[in-house]
PDB file of N, CA and C in Angstrom:
ATOM      1  N   MET A   1     -25.466  79.028 -11.244  1.00  0.00           N
ATOM      2  CA  MET A   1     -24.090  77.667 -11.042  1.00  0.00           C
ATOM      3  C   MET A   1     -23.113  78.406 -11.230  1.00  0.00           C
ATOM      4  N   LYS A   2     -22.802  79.078 -12.140  1.00  0.00           N
ATOM      5  CA  LYS A   2     -21.559  79.594 -12.420  1.00  0.00           C
ATOM      6  C   LYS A   2     -21.068  80.526 -11.193  1.00  0.00           C
ATOM      7  N   LEU A   3     -22.022  81.177 -10.681  1.00  0.00           N
ATOM      8  CA  LEU A   3     -22.050  82.314  -9.646  1.00  0.00           C
ATOM      9  C   LEU A   3     -21.440  81.716  -8.384  1.00  0.00           C
ATOM     10  N   LYS A   4     -21.558  80.451  -8.167  1.00  0.00           N
ATOM     11  CA  LYS A   4     -21.446  79.891  -6.863  1.00  0.00           C
ATOM     12  C   LYS A   4     -19.865  79.236  -7.321  1.00  0.00           C
ATOM     13  N   LEU A   5     -19.607  78.662  -8.641  1.00  0.00           N
ATOM     14  CA  LEU A   5     -18.040  78.380  -8.370  1.00  0.00           C
ATOM     15  C   LEU A   5     -17.449  79.235  -8.473  1.00  0.00           C
ATOM     16  N   LEU A   6     -17.623  81.013  -8.957  1.00  0.00           N
ATOM     17  CA  LEU A   6     -16.565  81.538  -9.130  1.00  0.00           C
ATOM     18  C   LEU A   6     -16.574  82.051  -7.575  1.00  0.00           C
ATOM     19  N   LEU A   7     -17.415  81.987  -6.597  1.00  0.00           N
ATOM     20  CA  LEU A   7     -17.407  82.508  -5.500  1.00  0.00           C
ATOM     21  C   LEU A   7     -16.163  81.209  -4.733  1.00  0.00           C
ATOM     22  N   VAL A   8     -16.907  80.206  -4.673  1.00  0.00           N
ATOM     23  CA  VAL A   8     -15.822  79.266  -4.546  1.00  0.00           C
ATOM     24  C   VAL A   8     -14.335  79.497  -4.386  1.00  0.00           C
ATOM     25  N   SER A   9     -13.990  80.019  -6.099  1.00  0.00           N
ATOM     26  CA  SER A   9     -12.736  79.841  -6.206  1.00  0.00           C
ATOM     27  C   SER A   9     -12.054  81.140  -5.837  1.00  0.00           C
ATOM     28  N   ALA A  10     -12.829  82.062  -5.456  1.00  0.00           N
ATOM     29  CA  ALA A  10     -12.482  83.148  -5.077  1.00  0.00           C
ATOM     30  C   ALA A  10     -11.999  82.923  -3.623  1.00  0.00           C
ATOM     31  N   MET A  11     -13.094  82.833  -2.652  1.00  0.00           N
ATOM     32  CA  MET A  11     -12.838  82.169  -1.696  1.00  0.00           C
ATOM     33  C   MET A  11     -11.326  81.223  -1.484  1.00  0.00           C
ATOM     34  N   VAL A  12     -11.054  80.570  -2.536  1.00  0.00           N
ATOM     35  CA  VAL A  12     -10.050  79.709  -2.256  1.00  0.00           C
ATOM     36  C   VAL A  12      -8.948  80.376  -2.555  1.00  0.00           C
ATOM     37  N   LEU A  13      -8.518  81.398  -3.470  1.00  0.00           N
ATOM     38  CA  LEU A  13      -7.388  81.928  -3.421  1.00  0.00           C
ATOM     39  C   LEU A  13      -7.142  82.894  -2.435  1.00  0.00           C
ATOM     40  N   PHE A  14      -8.499  83.416  -2.188  1.00  0.00           N
ATOM     41  CA  PHE A  14      -8.205  84.164  -0.807  1.00  0.00           C
ATOM     42  C   PHE A  14      -7.467  83.535   0.120  1.00  0.00           C
ATOM     43  N   PHE A  15      -7.907  82.639   1.030  1.00  0.00           N
ATOM     44  CA  PHE A  15      -7.215  82.015   1.945  1.00  0.00           C
ATOM     45  C   PHE A  15      -5.561  81.493   1.294  1.00  0.00           C
ATOM     46  N   ALA A  16      -5.438  80.823   0.194  1.00  0.00           N
ATOM     47  CA  ALA A  16      -4.391  80.202  -0.287  1.00  0.00           C
ATOM     48  C   ALA A  16      -3.369  81.525  -0.316  1.00  0.00           C
ATOM     49  N   GLY A  17      -3.810  82.873  -0.628  1.00  0.00           N
ATOM     50  CA  GLY A  17      -3.396  84.018  -0.605  1.00  0.00           C
ATOM     51  C   GLY A  17      -2.422  84.362   0.907  1.00  0.00           C
ATOM     52  N   CYS A  18      -3.563  84.377   1.554  1.00  0.00           N
ATOM     53  CA  CYS A  18      -3.286  84.493   3.261  1.00  0.00           C
ATOM     54  C   CYS A  18      -2.054  84.048   3.746  1.00  0.00           C
ATOM     55  N   THR A  19      -1.331  84.969   4.811  1.00  0.00           N
ATOM     56  CA  THR A  19       0.023  84.094   5.424  1.00  0.00           C
ATOM     57  C   THR A  19      -0.641  83.341   6.325  1.00  0.00           C
ATOM     58  N   GLN A  20       0.367  82.327   7.134  1.00  0.00           N
ATOM     59  CA  GLN A  20      -0.361  81.640   7.795  1.00  0.00           C
ATOM     60  C   GLN A  20      -0.931  82.028   9.162  1.00  0.00           C
ATOM     61  N   GLU A  21      -0.002  83.231   9.681  1.00  0.00           N
ATOM     62  CA  GLU A  21      -0.692  83.796  10.733  1.00  0.00           C
ATOM     63  C   GLU A  21      -1.996  84.541  10.270  1.00  0.00           C
ATOM     64  N   THR A  22      -1.987  85.102   9.249  1.00  0.00           N
ATOM     65  CA  THR A  22      -3.685  85.526   8.993  1.00  0.00           C
ATOM     66  C   THR A  22      -4.506  84.365   9.020  1.00  0.00           C
ATOM     67  N   GLN A  23      -4.252  83.523   8.396  1.00  0.00           N
ATOM     68  CA  GLN A  23      -4.868  82.184   8.280  1.00  0.00           C
ATOM     69  C   GLN A  23      -5.396  81.826   9.900  1.00  0.00           C
ATOM     70  N   ASN A  24      -4.607  81.905  10.792  1.00  0.00           N
ATOM     71  CA  ASN A  24      -4.819  81.609  11.976  1.00  0.00           C
ATOM     72  C   ASN A  24      -5.659  82.413  12.709  1.00  0.00           C
ATOM     73  N   SER A  25      -5.373  83.511  12.694  1.00  0.00           N
ATOM     74  CA  SER A  25      -6.194  84.867  12.765  1.00  0.00           C
ATOM     75  C   SER A  25      -7.581  84.726  12.951  1.00  0.00           C
ATOM     76  N   LEU A  26      -8.073  84.283  11.276  1.00  0.00           N
ATOM     77  CA  LEU A  26      -9.002  84.140  10.502  1.00  0.00           C
ATOM     78  C   LEU A  26      -9.867  82.662  11.253  1.00  0.00           C
ATOM     79  N   SER A  27      -9.066  81.811  11.721  1.00  0.00           N
ATOM     80  CA  SER A  27      -9.303  80.562  12.911  1.00  0.00           C
ATOM     81  C   SER A  27      -9.958  80.671  13.590  1.00  0.00           C
ATOM     82  N   ARG A  28      -8.953  81.456  14.411  1.00  0.00           N
ATOM     83  CA  ARG A  28      -9.853  82.077  15.874  1.00  0.00           C
ATOM     84  C   ARG A  28     -10.694  82.368  15.728  1.00  0.00           C
ATOM     85  N   SER A  29     -10.595  83.658  15.093  1.00  0.00           N
ATOM     86  CA  SER A  29     -12.174  84.621  15.353  1.00  0.00           C
ATOM     87  C   SER A  29     -13.153  83.450  14.834  1.00  0.00           C
ATOM     88  N   LEU A  30     -12.840  82.585  14.078  1.00  0.00           N
ATOM     89  CA  LEU A  30     -14.547  82.061  13.538  1.00  0.00           C
ATOM     90  C   LEU A  30     -14.874  81.143  14.866  1.00  0.00           C
ATOM     91  N   GLN A  31     -13.410  80.245  15.786  1.00  0.00           N
ATOM     92  CA  GLN A  31     -13.736  79.532  17.009  1.00  0.00           C
ATOM     93  C   GLN A  31     -13.784  80.231  17.789  1.00  0.00           C
ATOM     94  N   ASN A  32     -14.002  81.765  18.029  1.00  0.00           N
ATOM     95  CA  ASN A  32     -14.258  82.693  19.343  1.00  0.00           C
ATOM     96  C   ASN A  32     -15.921  82.824  18.667  1.00  0.00           C
ATOM     97  N   TRP A  33     -16.091  82.877  17.610  1.00  0.00           N
ATOM     98  CA  TRP A  33     -17.439  82.938  17.420  1.00  0.00           C
ATOM     99  C   TRP A  33     -18.409  81.718  17.666  1.00  0.00           C
ATOM    100  N   THR A  34     -17.648  80.795  17.436  1.00  0.00           N
ATOM    101  CA  THR A  34     -18.877  79.398  17.487  1.00  0.00           C
ATOM    102  C   THR A  34     -18.466  78.504  19.027  1.00  0.00           C
ATOM    103  N   GLY A  35     -17.345  79.069  19.468  1.00  0.00           N
ATOM    104  CA  GLY A  35     -17.333  78.691  20.994  1.00  0.00           C
ATOM    105  C   GLY A  35     -16.424  77.077  20.944  1.00  0.00           C
ATOM    106  N   THR A  36     -15.943  76.402  21.732  1.00  0.00           N
ATOM    107  CA  THR A  36     -14.991  75.621  22.073  1.00  0.00           C
ATOM    108  C   THR A  36     -15.728  75.130  23.198  1.00  0.00           C
ATOM    109  N   ASN A  37     -15.199  73.707  23.479  1.00  0.00           N
ATOM    110  CA  ASN A  37     -15.565  73.174  24.771  1.00  0.00           C
ATOM    111  C   ASN A  37     -14.339  72.850  25.471  1.00  0.00           C
ATOM    112  N   GLY A  38     -13.350  74.204  25.442  1.00  0.00           N
ATOM    113  CA  GLY A  38     -11.905  73.871  26.301  1.00  0.00           C
ATOM    114  C   GLY A  38     -11.945  74.045  27.770  1.00  0.00           C
ATOM    115  N   VAL A  39     -10.823  73.373  28.057  1.00  0.00           N
ATOM    116  CA  VAL A  39     -10.365  72.854  29.617  1.00  0.00           C
ATOM    117  C   VAL A  39      -9.113  73.298  29.343  1.00  0.00           C
ATOM    118  N   LEU A  40      -9.123  74.147  30.843  1.00  0.00           N
ATOM    119  CA  LEU A  40      -7.783  74.679  30.988  1.00  0.00           C
ATOM    120  C   LEU A  40      -7.235  73.806  32.689  1.00  0.00           C
ATOM    121  N   ASP A  41      -6.111  73.270  32.782  1.00  0.00           N
ATOM    122  CA  ASP A  41      -5.312  72.506  33.764  1.00  0.00           C
ATOM    123  C   ASP A  41      -4.215  73.400  33.914  1.00  0.00           C
ATOM    124  N   VAL A  42      -4.327  73.642  35.198  1.00  0.00           N
ATOM    125  CA  VAL A  42      -3.540  74.371  35.761  1.00  0.00           C
ATOM    126  C   VAL A  42      -2.574  73.379  36.717  1.00  0.00           C
ATOM    127  N   TYR A  43      -1.564  73.539  36.637  1.00  0.00           N
ATOM    128  CA  TYR A  43      -0.286  72.590  37.355  1.00  0.00           C
ATOM    129  C   TYR A  43       0.625  73.611  38.408  1.00  0.00           C
ATOM    130  N   ALA A  44       1.197  73.095  39.700  1.00  0.00           N
ATOM    131  CA  ALA A  44       2.081  73.386  40.651  1.00  0.00           C
ATOM    132  C   ALA A  44       3.487  71.939  40.348  1.00  0.00           C
ATOM    133  N   GLY A  45       4.276  72.416  39.592  1.00  0.00           N
ATOM    134  CA  GLY A  45       5.295  71.333  39.477  1.00  0.00           C
ATOM    135  C   GLY A  45       4.628  70.456  38.666  1.00  0.00           C
ATOM    136  N   ASP A  46       4.214  69.097  39.095  1.00  0.00           N
ATOM    137  CA  ASP A  46       3.820  68.008  38.289  1.00  0.00           C
ATOM    138  C   ASP A  46       2.501  67.938  38.794  1.00  0.00           C
ATOM    139  N   LYS A  47       1.918  68.408  39.600  1.00  0.00           N
ATOM    140  CA  LYS A  47       0.690  68.270  40.447  1.00  0.00           C
ATOM    141  C   LYS A  47      -0.502  69.102  39.647  1.00  0.00           C
ATOM    142  N   LEU A  48      -1.481  68.143  39.161  1.00  0.00           N
ATOM    143  CA  LEU A  48      -2.432  69.113  38.794  1.00  0.00           C
ATOM    144  C   LEU A  48      -3.143  70.106  39.680  1.00  0.00           C
ATOM    145  N   VAL A  49      -3.315  71.256  40.099  1.00  0.00           N
ATOM    146  CA  VAL A  49      -3.836  71.786  41.003  1.00  0.00           C
ATOM    147  C   VAL A  49      -5.233  72.262  40.915  1.00  0.00           C
ATOM    148  N   HIS A  50      -5.879  72.800  39.724  1.00  0.00           N
ATOM    149  CA  HIS A  50      -6.961  73.590  39.408  1.00  0.00           C
ATOM    150  C   HIS A  50      -7.617  73.014  38.339  1.00  0.00           C
ATOM    151  N   LYS A  51      -8.803  72.953  37.693  1.00  0.00           N
ATOM    152  CA  LYS A  51      -8.917  72.243  36.310  1.00  0.00           C
ATOM    153  C   LYS A  51     -10.502  73.528  36.407  1.00  0.00           C
ATOM    154  N   PHE A  52     -10.513  73.900  34.784  1.00  0.00           N
ATOM    155  CA  PHE A  52     -11.580  74.606  34.692  1.00  0.00           C
ATOM    156  C   PHE A  52     -11.992  74.016  33.026  1.00  0.00           C
ATOM    157  N   ILE A  53     -13.444  73.658  33.244  1.00  0.00           N
ATOM    158  CA  ILE A  53     -14.076  73.378  32.318  1.00  0.00           C
ATOM    159  C   ILE A  53     -15.183  74.121  31.286  1.00  0.00           C
ATOM    160  N   LYS A  54     -15.273  73.801  30.357  1.00  0.00           N
ATOM    161  CA  LYS A  54     -16.407  74.311  29.438  1.00  0.00           C
ATOM    162  C   LYS A  54     -16.237  76.014  29.290  1.00  0.00           C
ATOM    163  N   ILE A  55     -14.455  76.011  28.860  1.00  0.00           N
ATOM    164  CA  ILE A  55     -14.620  77.398  28.372  1.00  0.00           C
ATOM    165  C   ILE A  55     -14.760  77.579  26.487  1.00  0.00           C
ATOM    166  N   ASP A  56     -15.591  78.552  26.984  1.00  0.00           N
ATOM    167  CA  ASP A  56     -15.349  79.449  25.573  1.00  0.00           C
ATOM    168  C   ASP A  56     -14.216  79.747  24.831  1.00  0.00           C
ATOM    169  N   LYS A  57     -13.459  80.446  25.486  1.00  0.00           N
ATOM    170  CA  LYS A  57     -12.181  80.742  24.737  1.00  0.00           C
ATOM    171  C   LYS A  57     -11.395  81.550  26.343  1.00  0.00           C
ATOM    172  N   VAL A  58     -10.135  81.558  25.920  1.00  0.00           N
ATOM    173  CA  VAL A  58      -9.329  82.277  26.880  1.00  0.00           C
ATOM    174  C   VAL A  58      -8.606  83.322  26.068  1.00  0.00           C
ATOM    175  N   SER A  59      -8.500  84.659  26.853  1.00  0.00           N
ATOM    176  CA  SER A  59      -8.098  86.239  25.794  1.00  0.00           C
ATOM    177  C   SER A  59      -7.130  86.756  26.857  1.00  0.00           C
ATOM    178  N   THR A  60      -6.146  87.236  26.018  1.00  0.00           N
ATOM    179  CA  THR A  60      -5.248  87.932  26.667  1.00  0.00           C
ATOM    180  C   THR A  60      -5.678  89.267  26.934  1.00  0.00           C
ATOM    181  N   ALA A  61      -5.334  89.740  28.007  1.00  0.00           N
ATOM    182  CA  ALA A  61      -5.481  91.364  28.849  1.00  0.00           C
ATOM    183  C   ALA A  61      -4.391  92.375  27.839  1.00  0.00           C
ATOM    184  N   PHE A  62      -5.467  93.027  27.699  1.00  0.00           N
ATOM    185  CA  PHE A  62      -4.659  94.484  27.010  1.00  0.00           C
ATOM    186  C   PHE A  62      -5.152  95.866  27.858  1.00  0.00           C
ATOM    187  N   GLY A  63      -4.196  96.761  27.722  1.00  0.00           N
ATOM    188  CA  GLY A  63      -4.289  97.934  28.615  1.00  0.00           C
ATOM    189  C   GLY A  63      -5.150  98.493  28.093  1.00  0.00           C
ATOM    190  N   SER A  64      -6.249  98.792  29.040  1.00  0.00           N
ATOM    191  CA  SER A  64      -7.394 100.499  28.884  1.00  0.00           C
ATOM    192  C   SER A  64      -6.460 101.532  27.989  1.00  0.00           C
ATOM    193  N   ASN A  65      -5.123 101.781  28.878  1.00  0.00           N
ATOM    194  CA  ASN A  65      -4.951 103.608  28.047  1.00  0.00           C
ATOM    195  C   ASN A  65      -3.638 103.505  26.882  1.00  0.00           C
ATOM    196  N   ASP A  66      -3.314 102.080  26.691  1.00  0.00           N
ATOM    197  CA  ASP A  66      -2.151 102.043  26.289  1.00  0.00           C
ATOM    198  C   ASP A  66      -2.458 101.135  24.798  1.00  0.00           C
ATOM    199  N   GLY A  67      -3.339 100.238  25.521  1.00  0.00           N
ATOM    200  CA  GLY A  67      -3.495  99.111  24.617  1.00  0.00           C
ATOM    201  C   GLY A  67      -2.332  98.149  24.285  1.00  0.00           C
ATOM    202  N   LYS A  68      -1.444  97.739  25.648  1.00  0.00           N
ATOM    203  CA  LYS A  68      -0.595  97.271  25.506  1.00  0.00           C
ATOM    204  C   LYS A  68      -0.799  95.627  25.879  1.00  0.00           C
ATOM    205  N   MET A  69      -0.506  94.777  25.391  1.00  0.00           N
ATOM    206  CA  MET A  69      -0.817  93.633  25.596  1.00  0.00           C
ATOM    207  C   MET A  69      -0.077  93.462  27.333  1.00  0.00           C
ATOM    208  N   ARG A  70      -1.152  92.913  28.235  1.00  0.00           N
ATOM    209  CA  ARG A  70      -0.557  92.612  29.569  1.00  0.00           C
ATOM    210  C   ARG A  70      -0.206  91.388  29.641  1.00  0.00           C
ATOM    211  N   PRO A  71       0.417  90.596  30.518  1.00  0.00           N
ATOM    212  CA  PRO A  71       1.259  89.606  31.258  1.00  0.00           C
ATOM    213  C   PRO A  71       0.356  88.592  31.581  1.00  0.00           C
ATOM    214  N   TYR A  72      -0.844  88.906  31.032  1.00  0.00           N
ATOM    215  CA  TYR A  72      -1.993  87.256  31.936  1.00  0.00           C
ATOM    216  C   TYR A  72      -3.026  87.169  30.764  1.00  0.00           C
ATOM    217  N   ARG A  73      -3.700  85.944  31.246  1.00  0.00           N
ATOM    218  CA  ARG A  73      -4.659  85.751  30.539  1.00  0.00           C
ATOM    219  C   ARG A  73      -5.701  85.136  30.994  1.00  0.00           C
ATOM    220  N   TYR A  74      -7.003  85.468  30.796  1.00  0.00           N
ATOM    221  CA  TYR A  74      -8.370  85.519  31.344  1.00  0.00           C
ATOM    222  C   TYR A  74      -9.303  85.051  30.810  1.00  0.00           C
ATOM    223  N   GLY A  75     -10.664  84.165  31.165  1.00  0.00           N
ATOM    224  CA  GLY A  75     -11.633  83.857  30.946  1.00  0.00           C
ATOM    225  C   GLY A  75     -13.022  83.265  31.867  1.00  0.00           C
ATOM    226  N   TYR A  76     -13.764  82.645  31.569  1.00  0.00           N
ATOM    227  CA  TYR A  76     -14.759  82.265  31.972  1.00  0.00           C
ATOM    228  C   TYR A  76     -14.670  80.633  31.538  1.00  0.00           C
ATOM    229  N   GLY A  77     -14.911  79.721  33.257  1.00  0.00           N
ATOM    230  CA  GLY A  77     -15.067  78.416  33.058  1.00  0.00           C
ATOM    231  C   GLY A  77     -15.753  77.742  34.129  1.00  0.00           C
ATOM    232  N   VAL A  78     -16.266  77.072  34.195  1.00  0.00           N
ATOM    233  CA  VAL A  78     -16.816  75.852  35.428  1.00  0.00           C
ATOM    234  C   VAL A  78     -15.495  75.563  35.957  1.00  0.00           C
ATOM    235  N   ASP A  79     -15.739  75.792  37.146  1.00  0.00           N
ATOM    236  CA  ASP A  79     -14.417  75.296  38.369  1.00  0.00           C
ATOM    237  C   ASP A  79     -14.505  73.789  38.745  1.00  0.00           C
ATOM    238  N   ASP A  80     -14.025  73.232  37.830  1.00  0.00           N
ATOM    239  CA  ASP A  80     -14.061  71.446  37.966  1.00  0.00           C
ATOM    240  C   ASP A  80     -13.250  71.064  39.304  1.00  0.00           C
ATOM    241  N   MET A  81     -14.445  71.229  40.842  1.00  0.00           N
ATOM    242  CA  MET A  81     -13.720  71.166  42.047  1.00  0.00           C
ATOM    243  C   MET A  81     -13.076  69.600  42.046  1.00  0.00           C
ATOM    244  N   ASN A  82     -13.507  68.606  41.464  1.00  0.00           N
ATOM    245  CA  ASN A  82     -13.196  67.387  41.617  1.00  0.00           C
ATOM    246  C   ASN A  82     -12.436  66.724  40.822  1.00  0.00           C
ATOM    247  N   PHE A  83     -11.827  67.597  39.499  1.00  0.00           N
ATOM    248  CA  PHE A  83     -11.148  67.155  38.289  1.00  0.00           C
ATOM    249  C   PHE A  83     -11.919  65.771  37.725  1.00  0.00           C
ATOM    250  N   ASN A  84     -13.061  65.584  37.747  1.00  0.00           N
ATOM    251  CA  ASN A  84     -13.983  64.667  36.754  1.00  0.00           C
ATOM    252  C   ASN A  84     -14.103  64.783  35.291  1.00  0.00           C
ATOM    253  N   GLY A  85     -14.129  66.444  35.302  1.00  0.00           N
ATOM    254  CA  GLY A  85     -14.235  66.820  33.725  1.00  0.00           C
ATOM    255  C   GLY A  85     -15.861  66.739  33.480  1.00  0.00           C
ATOM    256  N   ILE A  86     -16.440  66.844  34.736  1.00  0.00           N
ATOM    257  CA  ILE A  86     -18.208  66.796  34.000  1.00  0.00           C
ATOM    258  C   ILE A  86     -18.486  67.816  35.309  1.00  0.00           C
ATOM    259  N   VAL A  87     -19.636  68.531  35.037  1.00  0.00           N
ATOM    260  CA  VAL A  87     -20.016  69.715  35.932  1.00  0.00           C
ATOM    261  C   VAL A  87     -21.135  68.825  36.979  1.00  0.00           C
ATOM    262  N   ASP A  88     -20.588  68.942  38.095  1.00  0.00           N
ATOM    263  CA  ASP A  88     -21.487  68.265  39.013  1.00  0.00           C
ATOM    264  C   ASP A  88     -22.425  69.434  39.578  1.00  0.00           C
ATOM    265  N   ASP A  89     -22.953  68.930  40.655  1.00  0.00           N
ATOM    266  CA  ASP A  89     -23.936  69.677  41.342  1.00  0.00           C
ATOM    267  C   ASP A  89     -23.042  70.951  42.397  1.00  0.00           C
ATOM    268  N   GLY A  90     -23.020  72.085  42.451  1.00  0.00           N
ATOM    269  CA  GLY A  90     -22.687  73.001  43.039  1.00  0.00           C
ATOM    270  C   GLY A  90     -20.853  73.783  42.412  1.00  0.00           C
ATOM    271  N   GLU A  91     -20.850  73.004  40.818  1.00  0.00           N
ATOM    272  CA  GLU A  91     -19.748  73.527  40.530  1.00  0.00           C
ATOM    273  C   GLU A  91     -20.567  74.647  39.360  1.00  0.00           C
ATOM    274  N   LYS A  92     -19.717  76.051  39.401  1.00  0.00           N
ATOM    275  CA  LYS A  92     -20.372  77.046  38.887  1.00  0.00           C
ATOM    276  C   LYS A  92     -19.581  77.481  37.828  1.00  0.00           C
ATOM    277  N   LYS A  93     -19.860  78.070  36.987  1.00  0.00           N
ATOM    278  CA  LYS A  93     -19.229  79.663  36.154  1.00  0.00           C
ATOM    279  C   LYS A  93     -18.700  80.498  36.660  1.00  0.00           C
ATOM    280  N   VAL A  94     -16.923  80.642  36.873  1.00  0.00           N
ATOM    281  CA  VAL A  94     -16.726  81.450  37.277  1.00  0.00           C
ATOM    282  C   VAL A  94     -15.274  82.337  36.160  1.00  0.00           C
ATOM    283  N   TYR A  95     -15.022  83.432  36.693  1.00  0.00           N
ATOM    284  CA  TYR A  95     -13.890  83.940  36.059  1.00  0.00           C
ATOM    285  C   TYR A  95     -12.758  83.823  36.815  1.00  0.00           C
ATOM    286  N   PHE A  96     -11.294  83.683  35.788  1.00  0.00           N
ATOM    287  CA  PHE A  96     -10.076  83.306  36.262  1.00  0.00           C
ATOM    288  C   PHE A  96      -9.262  83.957  35.288  1.00  0.00           C
ATOM    289  N   GLU A  97      -8.034  84.353  36.108  1.00  0.00           N
ATOM    290  CA  GLU A  97      -7.236  84.864  35.445  1.00  0.00           C
ATOM    291  C   GLU A  97      -5.498  83.747  35.990  1.00  0.00           C
ATOM    292  N   PHE A  98      -4.706  83.991  34.774  1.00  0.00           N
ATOM    293  CA  PHE A  98      -3.663  83.395  34.747  1.00  0.00           C
ATOM    294  C   PHE A  98      -2.634  84.102  34.090  1.00  0.00           C
ATOM    295  N   SER A  99      -1.237  84.009  35.010  1.00  0.00           N
ATOM    296  CA  SER A  99       0.087  84.432  34.384  1.00  0.00           C
ATOM    297  C   SER A  99       0.594  83.989  33.293  1.00  0.00           C
ATOM    298  N   ASP A 100       0.924  84.534  32.104  1.00  0.00           N
ATOM    299  CA  ASP A 100       1.882  83.860  31.490  1.00  0.00           C
ATOM    300  C   ASP A 100       3.351  83.518  31.762  1.00  0.00           C
ATOM    301  N   TYR A 101       3.521  84.545  32.778  1.00  0.00           N
ATOM    302  CA  TYR A 101       4.860  84.163  32.905  1.00  0.00           C
ATOM    303  C   TYR A 101       5.185  82.899  33.767  1.00  0.00           C
ATOM    304  N   SER A 102       4.473  82.946  34.985  1.00  0.00           N
ATOM    305  CA  SER A 102       4.934  81.994  36.197  1.00  0.00           C
ATOM    306  C   SER A 102       4.065  81.192  35.915  1.00  0.00           C
ATOM    307  N   THR A 103       2.727  80.718  35.422  1.00  0.00           N
ATOM    308  CA  THR A 103       1.943  79.828  35.896  1.00  0.00           C
ATOM    309  C   THR A 103       1.621  78.566  34.576  1.00  0.00           C
ATOM    310  N   SER A 104       2.090  77.431  34.758  1.00  0.00           N
ATOM    311  CA  SER A 104       2.211  75.832  34.408  1.00  0.00           C
ATOM    312  C   SER A 104       1.243  75.849  33.731  1.00  0.00           C
ATOM    313  N   TYR A 105       0.532  75.838  32.749  1.00  0.00           N
ATOM    314  CA  TYR A 105      -1.079  75.141  32.418  1.00  0.00           C
ATOM    315  C   TYR A 105      -1.233  74.843  30.944  1.00  0.00           C
ATOM    316  N   ILE A 106      -1.911  73.849  30.828  1.00  0.00           N
ATOM    317  CA  ILE A 106      -2.701  73.515  29.379  1.00  0.00           C
ATOM    318  C   ILE A 106      -3.678  73.649  28.988  1.00  0.00           C
ATOM    319  N   PHE A 107      -3.899  74.554  28.170  1.00  0.00           N
ATOM    320  CA  PHE A 107      -5.575  74.404  28.091  1.00  0.00           C
ATOM    321  C   PHE A 107      -5.468  73.944  26.396  1.00  0.00           C
ATOM    322  N   TYR A 108      -6.547  73.341  26.254  1.00  0.00           N
ATOM    323  CA  TYR A 108      -7.203  72.179  25.260  1.00  0.00           C
ATOM    324  C   TYR A 108      -8.187  72.349  24.942  1.00  0.00           C
ATOM    325  N   GLU A 109      -8.937  71.672  23.846  1.00  0.00           N
ATOM    326  CA  GLU A 109     -10.287  71.172  23.521  1.00  0.00           C
ATOM    327  C   GLU A 109     -10.510  69.783  23.875  1.00  0.00           C
ATOM    328  N   ARG A 110     -11.803  70.009  24.646  1.00  0.00           N
ATOM    329  CA  ARG A 110     -12.343  68.642  25.194  1.00  0.00           C
ATOM    330  C   ARG A 110     -13.048  67.290  24.269  1.00  0.00           C
ATOM    331  N   ASN A 111     -12.956  66.684  24.139  1.00  0.00           N
ATOM    332  CA  ASN A 111     -13.294  65.497  23.333  1.00  0.00           C
ATOM    333  C   ASN A 111     -14.536  65.245  23.656  1.00  0.00           C
ATOM    334  N   GLN A 112     -15.513  65.934  22.910  1.00  0.00           N
ATOM    335  CA  GLN A 112     -17.253  65.608  23.465  1.00  0.00           C
ATOM    336  C   GLN A 112     -17.644  64.151  23.650  1.00  0.00           C
ATOM    337  N   ALA A 113     -17.072  63.390  22.929  1.00  0.00           N
ATOM    338  CA  ALA A 113     -17.687  61.924  22.855  1.00  0.00           C
ATOM    339  C   ALA A 113     -16.649  61.399  23.956  1.00  0.00           C
ATOM    340  N   ASN A 114     -15.691  61.620  24.642  1.00  0.00           N
ATOM    341  CA  ASN A 114     -15.197  60.860  26.157  1.00  0.00           C
ATOM    342  C   ASN A 114     -16.177  61.758  27.072  1.00  0.00           C
ATOM    343  N   ILE A 115     -16.331  63.071  27.058  1.00  0.00           N
ATOM    344  CA  ILE A 115     -17.515  63.477  27.788  1.00  0.00           C
ATOM    345  C   ILE A 115     -18.832  62.904  27.855  1.00  0.00           C
ATOM    346  N   ASN A 116     -19.342  62.341  27.223  1.00  0.00           N
ATOM    347  CA  ASN A 116     -20.627  62.020  26.632  1.00  0.00           C
ATOM    348  C   ASN A 116     -20.545  60.380  27.420  1.00  0.00           C
ATOM    349  N   GLN A 117     -19.627  59.738  27.075  1.00  0.00           N
ATOM    350  CA  GLN A 117     -19.398  58.279  27.943  1.00  0.00           C
ATOM    351  C   GLN A 117     -19.398  58.707  29.375  1.00  0.00           C
ATOM    352  N   LYS A 118     -18.301  59.096  29.734  1.00  0.00           N
ATOM    353  CA  LYS A 118     -17.833  59.472  31.175  1.00  0.00           C
ATOM    354  C   LYS A 118     -19.504  59.341  31.956  1.00  0.00           C
ATOM    355  N   SER A 119     -20.474  60.702  31.116  1.00  0.00           N
ATOM    356  CA  SER A 119     -21.727  60.883  31.907  1.00  0.00           C
ATOM    357  C   SER A 119     -22.440  59.700  31.964  1.00  0.00           C
ATOM    358  N   ALA A 120     -22.640  59.323  30.805  1.00  0.00           N
ATOM    359  CA  ALA A 120     -23.112  57.607  30.692  1.00  0.00           C
ATOM    360  C   ALA A 120     -23.138  56.406  31.760  1.00  0.00           C
ATOM    361  N   ASN A 121     -21.372  56.255  31.557  1.00  0.00           N
ATOM    362  CA  ASN A 121     -21.123  55.396  33.205  1.00  0.00           C
ATOM    363  C   ASN A 121     -20.951  55.879  34.383  1.00  0.00           C
ATOM    364  N   ASN A 122     -21.701  57.208  34.507  1.00  0.00           N
ATOM    365  CA  ASN A 122     -21.991  57.570  35.872  1.00  0.00           C
ATOM    366  C   ASN A 122     -23.021  57.452  36.480  1.00  0.00           C
ATOM    367  N   LYS A 123     -23.959  57.376  35.373  1.00  0.00           N
ATOM    368  CA  LYS A 123     -25.571  57.239  35.908  1.00  0.00           C
ATOM    369  C   LYS A 123     -25.916  55.864  36.031  1.00  0.00           C
TER     370      LYS A 123
END
C-alpha cells in the first residue's frame, strides 16, 4: 500500500514539475500510441472541398538528411467522398499531405457517440 502511494505521489510531482510544453508532448505521445478518431476538413475559401475520417494522427514531415521540419503535414485516413462522416462502400484508407502555409484546414477528434447515432439512423 505504501509503495503504491509513493509511486502515485512521485508521478504527480513529476507531471507537476514539467513545463506545459513537456506535458503537451507527453499527452500527444500517449494519444499517438492509443490513437484518435480524427477528422480533417479541407477548405477552399469557405467551401468544404475534402474530408478525411478515421485518422490516427497527423504528422509533421522532417527532412531525411538535415532533420529539419518541412512545410507540410501528412497522415492516413479514409477518403470521405460524400462528406457524411461515415465509412461507406468504396471509401478507402489513403495517404494524404497538405501544406502548412496554403491549406485551410481543421483537424479534430470525432465524437464517437455522434457517429454511432448517425449509423443507427441510416439503417
